Amino acid sequence: MFGFGKKANKLDGIDVLIIKTVEAKNRNFYQVVFPSVLANDILSMLQKLEKSKMNQQEFLGEIGGFRIVTHLEAMTNIDILDDADLEARPVHIEDFANILLRRLEHLEESGKMEESEDMAFIMGELTMLRDGSYVPQN
């Protein structure tokens, strides 16, 4: 971890996860942004998905095989310097959760996904993130 300058108040900032994809056609990485106050829970849930056997392209599409490579904490500002580059634009956690959730729901409906406590937990968390009803665990 690097100590670049002074961090913002954790409650007021936003966090960014840089998520690298294996062989996505449109993106090599995603910048996923969310309120810093939710960071521990979101990072924990996405790490659980990252380590699961569902983290493959056959299950998650272009995001499959992802790796979380960087976590930037409590930022107060993000400037996009190249509007034409899709990867320059951060993806809000609600949108990222929706992408993942749609894939997992499709797998569940088609019977290709095994039911497990971990997957039920992840899908529940993604649903709350997508719907904006996420409450951090204390």
N, C-alpha and C. Protein backbone atom coordinates (compact mmCIF):
# COMPACT_ATOMS: atom_id res chain seq x y z
N MET A 1 0.84 -1.18 0.00
CA MET A 1 0.00 0.00 0.00
C MET A 1 0.88 1.23 0.00
N PHE A 2 0.50 2.21 -0.79
CA PHE A 2 1.27 3.43 -0.91
C PHE A 2 0.61 4.54 -0.12
N GLY A 3 1.38 5.45 0.41
CA GLY A 3 0.84 6.57 1.16
C GLY A 3 0.96 7.86 0.36
N PHE A 4 0.13 8.03 -0.64
CA PHE A 4 0.16 9.24 -1.46
C PHE A 4 -0.73 10.30 -0.85
N GLY A 5 -0.14 11.28 -0.18
CA GLY A 5 -0.93 12.38 0.36
C GLY A 5 -1.86 11.95 1.46
N LYS A 6 -2.71 12.87 1.82
CA LYS A 6 -3.65 12.66 2.91
C LYS A 6 -4.96 12.11 2.37
N LYS A 7 -5.50 11.11 3.03
CA LYS A 7 -6.78 10.54 2.61
C LYS A 7 -7.92 11.44 3.02
N ALA A 8 -8.98 11.38 2.26
CA ALA A 8 -10.20 12.09 2.61
C ALA A 8 -10.88 11.34 3.75
N ASN A 9 -11.84 11.99 4.35
CA ASN A 9 -12.64 11.32 5.36
C ASN A 9 -13.30 10.12 4.71
N LYS A 10 -13.12 8.96 5.30
CA LYS A 10 -13.62 7.70 4.73
C LYS A 10 -15.12 7.76 4.41
N LEU A 11 -15.89 8.47 5.20
CA LEU A 11 -17.33 8.53 4.99
C LEU A 11 -17.72 9.40 3.81
N ASP A 12 -16.86 10.34 3.43
CA ASP A 12 -17.19 11.27 2.36
C ASP A 12 -16.64 10.88 1.00
N GLY A 13 -15.70 9.96 0.96
CA GLY A 13 -15.00 9.65 -0.28
C GLY A 13 -15.66 8.56 -1.11
N ILE A 14 -15.04 8.32 -2.25
CA ILE A 14 -15.43 7.21 -3.11
C ILE A 14 -14.21 6.31 -3.30
N ASP A 15 -14.48 5.04 -3.44
CA ASP A 15 -13.41 4.07 -3.69
C ASP A 15 -13.51 3.61 -5.13
N VAL A 16 -12.38 3.19 -5.66
CA VAL A 16 -12.31 2.66 -7.02
C VAL A 16 -11.60 1.32 -6.98
N LEU A 17 -12.22 0.32 -7.57
CA LEU A 17 -11.57 -0.96 -7.78
C LEU A 17 -11.20 -1.04 -9.25
N ILE A 18 -9.97 -1.41 -9.53
CA ILE A 18 -9.58 -1.66 -10.91
C ILE A 18 -9.60 -3.17 -11.08
N ILE A 19 -10.48 -3.61 -11.97
CA ILE A 19 -10.72 -5.02 -12.19
C ILE A 19 -10.26 -5.37 -13.59
N LYS A 20 -9.29 -6.26 -13.67
CA LYS A 20 -8.72 -6.67 -14.96
C LYS A 20 -9.49 -7.87 -15.49
N THR A 21 -9.80 -7.82 -16.77
CA THR A 21 -10.51 -8.93 -17.40
C THR A 21 -9.53 -9.75 -18.23
N VAL A 22 -9.88 -10.99 -18.47
CA VAL A 22 -8.97 -11.90 -19.17
C VAL A 22 -8.94 -11.61 -20.67
N GLU A 23 -10.06 -11.80 -21.33
CA GLU A 23 -10.09 -11.65 -22.78
C GLU A 23 -11.34 -10.91 -23.25
N ALA A 24 -11.68 -9.85 -22.57
CA ALA A 24 -12.86 -9.10 -22.97
C ALA A 24 -12.62 -8.43 -24.32
N LYS A 25 -13.66 -8.35 -25.12
CA LYS A 25 -13.52 -7.74 -26.44
C LYS A 25 -13.53 -6.22 -26.37
N ASN A 26 -14.34 -5.65 -25.47
CA ASN A 26 -14.48 -4.20 -25.41
C ASN A 26 -13.62 -3.53 -24.36
N ARG A 27 -13.19 -4.27 -23.36
CA ARG A 27 -12.43 -3.68 -22.25
C ARG A 27 -11.34 -4.63 -21.78
N ASN A 28 -10.23 -4.05 -21.34
CA ASN A 28 -9.20 -4.82 -20.67
C ASN A 28 -9.36 -4.72 -19.16
N PHE A 29 -10.01 -3.65 -18.72
CA PHE A 29 -10.25 -3.48 -17.29
C PHE A 29 -11.48 -2.61 -17.06
N TYR A 30 -12.02 -2.73 -15.86
CA TYR A 30 -13.13 -1.91 -15.39
C TYR A 30 -12.66 -1.11 -14.19
N GLN A 31 -13.06 0.14 -14.12
CA GLN A 31 -12.90 0.94 -12.91
C GLN A 31 -14.28 0.98 -12.27
N VAL A 32 -14.43 0.33 -11.14
CA VAL A 32 -15.73 0.26 -10.48
C VAL A 32 -15.71 1.22 -9.29
N VAL A 33 -16.66 2.16 -9.25
CA VAL A 33 -16.69 3.17 -8.19
C VAL A 33 -17.89 2.95 -7.27
N PHE A 34 -17.68 3.27 -5.99
CA PHE A 34 -18.73 3.13 -4.98
C PHE A 34 -18.35 3.97 -3.77
N PRO A 35 -19.32 4.29 -2.92
CA PRO A 35 -19.02 5.07 -1.70
C PRO A 35 -18.05 4.32 -0.79
N SER A 36 -17.10 5.04 -0.24
CA SER A 36 -16.08 4.44 0.62
C SER A 36 -16.68 3.72 1.82
N VAL A 37 -17.80 4.20 2.30
CA VAL A 37 -18.42 3.59 3.47
C VAL A 37 -18.84 2.14 3.20
N LEU A 38 -19.02 1.77 1.94
CA LEU A 38 -19.40 0.40 1.57
C LEU A 38 -18.21 -0.47 1.17
N ALA A 39 -17.02 0.09 1.20
CA ALA A 39 -15.83 -0.57 0.63
C ALA A 39 -15.56 -1.96 1.18
N ASN A 40 -15.56 -2.12 2.48
CA ASN A 40 -15.20 -3.43 3.06
C ASN A 40 -16.14 -4.52 2.59
N ASP A 41 -17.44 -4.24 2.59
CA ASP A 41 -18.41 -5.25 2.21
C ASP A 41 -18.37 -5.55 0.72
N ILE A 42 -18.24 -4.52 -0.10
CA ILE A 42 -18.20 -4.73 -1.55
C ILE A 42 -16.93 -5.48 -1.94
N LEU A 43 -15.80 -5.07 -1.39
CA LEU A 43 -14.54 -5.73 -1.71
C LEU A 43 -14.59 -7.20 -1.28
N SER A 44 -15.10 -7.47 -0.11
CA SER A 44 -15.20 -8.84 0.39
C SER A 44 -16.06 -9.70 -0.52
N MET A 45 -17.22 -9.17 -0.93
CA MET A 45 -18.14 -9.92 -1.79
C MET A 45 -17.52 -10.18 -3.17
N LEU A 46 -16.88 -9.16 -3.75
CA LEU A 46 -16.28 -9.34 -5.07
C LEU A 46 -15.07 -10.28 -5.02
N GLN A 47 -14.33 -10.26 -3.91
CA GLN A 47 -13.22 -11.20 -3.76
C GLN A 47 -13.73 -12.63 -3.66
N LYS A 48 -14.87 -12.80 -3.01
CA LYS A 48 -15.48 -14.13 -2.90
C LYS A 48 -15.88 -14.63 -4.30
N LEU A 49 -16.46 -13.73 -5.11
CA LEU A 49 -16.83 -14.09 -6.48
C LEU A 49 -15.59 -14.36 -7.33
N GLU A 50 -14.55 -13.55 -7.14
CA GLU A 50 -13.30 -13.72 -7.88
C GLU A 50 -12.70 -15.10 -7.64
N LYS A 51 -12.79 -15.60 -6.42
CA LYS A 51 -12.20 -16.89 -6.06
C LYS A 51 -13.11 -18.08 -6.36
N SER A 52 -14.36 -17.80 -6.72
CA SER A 52 -15.31 -18.89 -6.94
C SER A 52 -15.09 -19.53 -8.31
N LYS A 53 -15.63 -20.73 -8.45
CA LYS A 53 -15.52 -21.43 -9.74
C LYS A 53 -16.41 -20.79 -10.81
N MET A 54 -17.29 -19.87 -10.41
CA MET A 54 -18.15 -19.16 -11.37
C MET A 54 -17.40 -18.07 -12.11
N ASN A 55 -16.20 -17.74 -11.66
CA ASN A 55 -15.41 -16.67 -12.29
C ASN A 55 -14.72 -17.18 -13.56
N GLN A 56 -15.54 -17.49 -14.54
CA GLN A 56 -15.06 -17.95 -15.84
C GLN A 56 -15.92 -17.29 -16.91
N GLN A 57 -15.37 -17.15 -18.10
CA GLN A 57 -16.11 -16.51 -19.18
C GLN A 57 -17.39 -17.27 -19.53
N GLU A 58 -17.38 -18.57 -19.42
CA GLU A 58 -18.58 -19.33 -19.76
C GLU A 58 -19.73 -19.00 -18.81
N PHE A 59 -19.43 -18.50 -17.62
CA PHE A 59 -20.47 -18.13 -16.67
C PHE A 59 -20.72 -16.63 -16.63
N LEU A 60 -19.66 -15.82 -16.59
CA LEU A 60 -19.81 -14.37 -16.42
C LEU A 60 -19.61 -13.57 -17.70
N GLY A 61 -19.49 -14.25 -18.83
CA GLY A 61 -19.30 -13.52 -20.08
C GLY A 61 -17.96 -12.81 -20.10
N GLU A 62 -17.94 -11.60 -20.64
CA GLU A 62 -16.69 -10.87 -20.79
C GLU A 62 -15.99 -10.54 -19.48
N ILE A 63 -16.74 -10.51 -18.40
CA ILE A 63 -16.13 -10.21 -17.11
C ILE A 63 -15.48 -11.45 -16.51
N GLY A 64 -15.86 -12.62 -16.98
CA GLY A 64 -15.36 -13.88 -16.45
C GLY A 64 -13.85 -13.98 -16.46
N GLY A 65 -13.32 -14.54 -15.41
CA GLY A 65 -11.87 -14.64 -15.25
C GLY A 65 -11.25 -13.35 -14.73
N PHE A 66 -12.08 -12.48 -14.13
CA PHE A 66 -11.59 -11.19 -13.67
C PHE A 66 -10.68 -11.33 -12.46
N ARG A 67 -9.84 -10.31 -12.29
CA ARG A 67 -8.97 -10.19 -11.12
C ARG A 67 -9.06 -8.76 -10.61
N ILE A 68 -9.19 -8.61 -9.32
CA ILE A 68 -9.14 -7.27 -8.72
C ILE A 68 -7.67 -6.94 -8.54
N VAL A 69 -7.19 -5.90 -9.21
CA VAL A 69 -5.76 -5.61 -9.17
C VAL A 69 -5.40 -4.39 -8.32
N THR A 70 -6.33 -3.46 -8.14
CA THR A 70 -6.03 -2.25 -7.36
C THR A 70 -7.28 -1.77 -6.65
N HIS A 71 -7.10 -1.30 -5.43
CA HIS A 71 -8.19 -0.70 -4.66
C HIS A 71 -7.71 0.69 -4.24
N LEU A 72 -8.34 1.72 -4.80
CA LEU A 72 -8.03 3.10 -4.44
C LEU A 72 -9.09 3.55 -3.43
N GLU A 73 -8.64 4.06 -2.30
CA GLU A 73 -9.57 4.36 -1.20
C GLU A 73 -9.79 5.85 -0.98
N ALA A 74 -11.01 6.18 -0.59
CA ALA A 74 -11.42 7.50 -0.10
C ALA A 74 -10.98 8.65 -1.01
N MET A 75 -11.29 8.53 -2.27
CA MET A 75 -10.95 9.59 -3.22
C MET A 75 -12.05 10.65 -3.19
N THR A 76 -11.68 11.86 -3.52
CA THR A 76 -12.66 12.94 -3.53
C THR A 76 -12.99 13.42 -4.93
N ASN A 77 -12.18 13.02 -5.90
CA ASN A 77 -12.41 13.52 -7.26
C ASN A 77 -11.78 12.55 -8.27
N ILE A 78 -12.47 12.38 -9.39
CA ILE A 78 -11.92 11.62 -10.50
C ILE A 78 -12.10 12.46 -11.75
N ASP A 79 -11.02 12.75 -12.44
CA ASP A 79 -11.07 13.50 -13.70
C ASP A 79 -10.87 12.53 -14.85
N ILE A 80 -11.78 12.56 -15.81
CA ILE A 80 -11.67 11.73 -17.00
C ILE A 80 -11.01 12.58 -18.08
N LEU A 81 -9.83 12.17 -18.51
CA LEU A 81 -9.06 12.97 -19.44
C LEU A 81 -9.24 12.54 -20.89
N ASP A 82 -9.80 11.37 -21.12
CA ASP A 82 -10.03 10.89 -22.48
C ASP A 82 -11.46 10.35 -22.58
N ASP A 83 -12.38 11.25 -22.91
CA ASP A 83 -13.80 10.86 -22.99
C ASP A 83 -14.08 9.81 -24.05
N ALA A 84 -13.24 9.71 -25.05
CA ALA A 84 -13.47 8.78 -26.14
C ALA A 84 -13.11 7.34 -25.76
N ASP A 85 -12.31 7.16 -24.74
CA ASP A 85 -11.87 5.82 -24.32
C ASP A 85 -12.87 5.25 -23.32
N LEU A 86 -13.50 4.15 -23.67
CA LEU A 86 -14.49 3.48 -22.82
C LEU A 86 -13.91 3.12 -21.46
N GLU A 87 -12.66 2.70 -21.42
CA GLU A 87 -12.04 2.29 -20.17
C GLU A 87 -11.74 3.47 -19.24
N ALA A 88 -11.74 4.68 -19.77
CA ALA A 88 -11.47 5.85 -18.93
C ALA A 88 -12.65 6.17 -18.03
N ARG A 89 -13.82 5.74 -18.40
CA ARG A 89 -15.04 6.03 -17.63
C ARG A 89 -15.26 4.99 -16.54
N PRO A 90 -15.29 5.43 -15.30
CA PRO A 90 -15.61 4.48 -14.22
C PRO A 90 -17.04 3.96 -14.35
N VAL A 91 -17.24 2.74 -13.91
CA VAL A 91 -18.55 2.11 -13.92
C VAL A 91 -19.08 2.16 -12.48
N HIS A 92 -20.28 2.68 -12.30
CA HIS A 92 -20.87 2.72 -10.96
C HIS A 92 -21.17 1.30 -10.50
N ILE A 93 -21.05 1.08 -9.21
CA ILE A 93 -21.25 -0.26 -8.65
C ILE A 93 -22.63 -0.80 -9.00
N GLU A 94 -23.64 0.06 -9.08
CA GLU A 94 -24.99 -0.40 -9.43
C GLU A 94 -25.01 -1.03 -10.82
N ASP A 95 -24.30 -0.41 -11.76
CA ASP A 95 -24.25 -0.93 -13.13
C ASP A 95 -23.41 -2.21 -13.21
N PHE A 96 -22.29 -2.23 -12.50
CA PHE A 96 -21.44 -3.42 -12.49
C PHE A 96 -22.18 -4.59 -11.84
N ALA A 97 -22.87 -4.32 -10.74
CA ALA A 97 -23.65 -5.37 -10.07
C ALA A 97 -24.74 -5.88 -10.99
N ASN A 98 -25.36 -4.99 -11.75
CA ASN A 98 -26.43 -5.39 -12.67
C ASN A 98 -25.88 -6.32 -13.76
N ILE A 99 -24.72 -6.02 -14.30
CA ILE A 99 -24.10 -6.87 -15.33
C ILE A 99 -23.87 -8.27 -14.77
N LEU A 100 -23.24 -8.33 -13.59
CA LEU A 100 -22.95 -9.63 -12.97
C LEU A 100 -24.23 -10.37 -12.62
N LEU A 101 -25.19 -9.66 -12.06
CA LEU A 101 -26.42 -10.29 -11.61
C LEU A 101 -27.22 -10.86 -12.77
N ARG A 102 -27.30 -10.13 -13.88
CA ARG A 102 -28.03 -10.64 -15.05
C ARG A 102 -27.42 -11.94 -15.54
N ARG A 103 -26.09 -12.02 -15.56
CA ARG A 103 -25.42 -13.26 -15.99
C ARG A 103 -25.73 -14.40 -15.02
N LEU A 104 -25.63 -14.13 -13.73
CA LEU A 104 -25.88 -15.18 -12.74
C LEU A 104 -27.33 -15.63 -12.74
N GLU A 105 -28.26 -14.69 -12.90
CA GLU A 105 -29.68 -15.05 -12.97
C GLU A 105 -29.97 -15.91 -14.19
N HIS A 106 -29.34 -15.58 -15.31
CA HIS A 106 -29.51 -16.37 -16.53
C HIS A 106 -29.00 -17.80 -16.31
N LEU A 107 -27.85 -17.92 -15.67
CA LEU A 107 -27.29 -19.25 -15.38
C LEU A 107 -28.20 -20.04 -14.44
N GLU A 108 -28.74 -19.34 -13.45
CA GLU A 108 -29.63 -20.00 -12.50
C GLU A 108 -30.90 -20.50 -13.20
N GLU A 109 -31.49 -19.66 -14.07
CA GLU A 109 -32.71 -20.03 -14.78
C GLU A 109 -32.47 -21.20 -15.74
N SER A 110 -31.28 -21.26 -16.33
CA SER A 110 -31.00 -22.32 -17.29
C SER A 110 -30.50 -23.60 -16.62
N GLY A 111 -30.32 -23.55 -15.30
CA GLY A 111 -29.88 -24.74 -14.56
C GLY A 111 -28.40 -25.00 -14.65
N LYS A 112 -27.61 -24.04 -15.14
CA LYS A 112 -26.17 -24.23 -15.30
C LYS A 112 -25.37 -23.85 -14.06
N MET A 113 -26.05 -23.28 -13.06
CA MET A 113 -25.35 -22.85 -11.87
C MET A 113 -25.78 -23.71 -10.69
N GLU A 114 -24.80 -24.23 -9.98
CA GLU A 114 -25.07 -25.01 -8.79
C GLU A 114 -25.52 -24.06 -7.67
N GLU A 115 -26.51 -24.48 -6.91
CA GLU A 115 -26.94 -23.67 -5.77
C GLU A 115 -25.95 -23.88 -4.64
N SER A 116 -25.55 -22.77 -4.03
CA SER A 116 -24.67 -22.85 -2.87
C SER A 116 -24.94 -21.62 -2.01
N GLU A 117 -24.51 -21.70 -0.77
CA GLU A 117 -24.68 -20.57 0.14
C GLU A 117 -23.91 -19.36 -0.36
N ASP A 118 -22.71 -19.60 -0.87
CA ASP A 118 -21.88 -18.49 -1.36
C ASP A 118 -22.56 -17.77 -2.53
N MET A 119 -23.09 -18.54 -3.48
CA MET A 119 -23.75 -17.92 -4.63
C MET A 119 -25.03 -17.20 -4.22
N ALA A 120 -25.77 -17.77 -3.29
CA ALA A 120 -26.99 -17.11 -2.80
C ALA A 120 -26.61 -15.79 -2.12
N PHE A 121 -25.53 -15.80 -1.34
CA PHE A 121 -25.06 -14.59 -0.67
C PHE A 121 -24.65 -13.54 -1.71
N ILE A 122 -23.83 -13.95 -2.68
CA ILE A 122 -23.34 -13.01 -3.70
C ILE A 122 -24.51 -12.43 -4.49
N MET A 123 -25.46 -13.28 -4.89
CA MET A 123 -26.60 -12.78 -5.66
C MET A 123 -27.46 -11.83 -4.83
N GLY A 124 -27.60 -12.09 -3.55
CA GLY A 124 -28.33 -11.19 -2.66
C GLY A 124 -27.64 -9.84 -2.54
N GLU A 125 -26.32 -9.87 -2.38
CA GLU A 125 -25.55 -8.63 -2.29
C GLU A 125 -25.63 -7.84 -3.60
N LEU A 126 -25.48 -8.53 -4.73
CA LEU A 126 -25.56 -7.87 -6.03
C LEU A 126 -26.94 -7.26 -6.26
N THR A 127 -27.98 -7.96 -5.83
CA THR A 127 -29.34 -7.44 -5.97
C THR A 127 -29.50 -6.15 -5.18
N MET A 128 -29.02 -6.13 -3.96
CA MET A 128 -29.12 -4.91 -3.15
C MET A 128 -28.29 -3.78 -3.75
N LEU A 129 -27.11 -4.09 -4.28
CA LEU A 129 -26.28 -3.06 -4.90
C LEU A 129 -26.97 -2.49 -6.14
N ARG A 130 -27.52 -3.37 -6.95
CA ARG A 130 -28.22 -2.95 -8.17
C ARG A 130 -29.41 -2.05 -7.84
N ASP A 131 -30.15 -2.43 -6.82
CA ASP A 131 -31.38 -1.71 -6.48
C ASP A 131 -31.14 -0.48 -5.61
N GLY A 132 -29.91 -0.28 -5.16
CA GLY A 132 -29.60 0.87 -4.31
C GLY A 132 -30.06 0.70 -2.87
N SER A 133 -30.34 -0.53 -2.45
CA SER A 133 -30.80 -0.75 -1.08
C SER A 133 -29.72 -1.38 -0.21
N TYR A 134 -28.48 -1.30 -0.65
CA TYR A 134 -27.37 -1.94 0.06
C TYR A 134 -27.11 -1.24 1.38
N VAL A 135 -26.99 -2.01 2.44
CA VAL A 135 -26.67 -1.49 3.76
C VAL A 135 -25.41 -2.20 4.21
N PRO A 136 -24.37 -1.45 4.57
CA PRO A 136 -23.13 -2.11 4.99
C PRO A 136 -23.33 -2.95 6.23
N GLN A 137 -22.60 -4.09 6.28
CA GLN A 137 -22.64 -4.97 7.45
C GLN A 137 -21.72 -4.38 8.52
N ASN A 138 -22.17 -4.38 9.75
CA ASN A 138 -21.34 -3.86 10.85
C ASN A 138 -20.89 -4.95 11.77
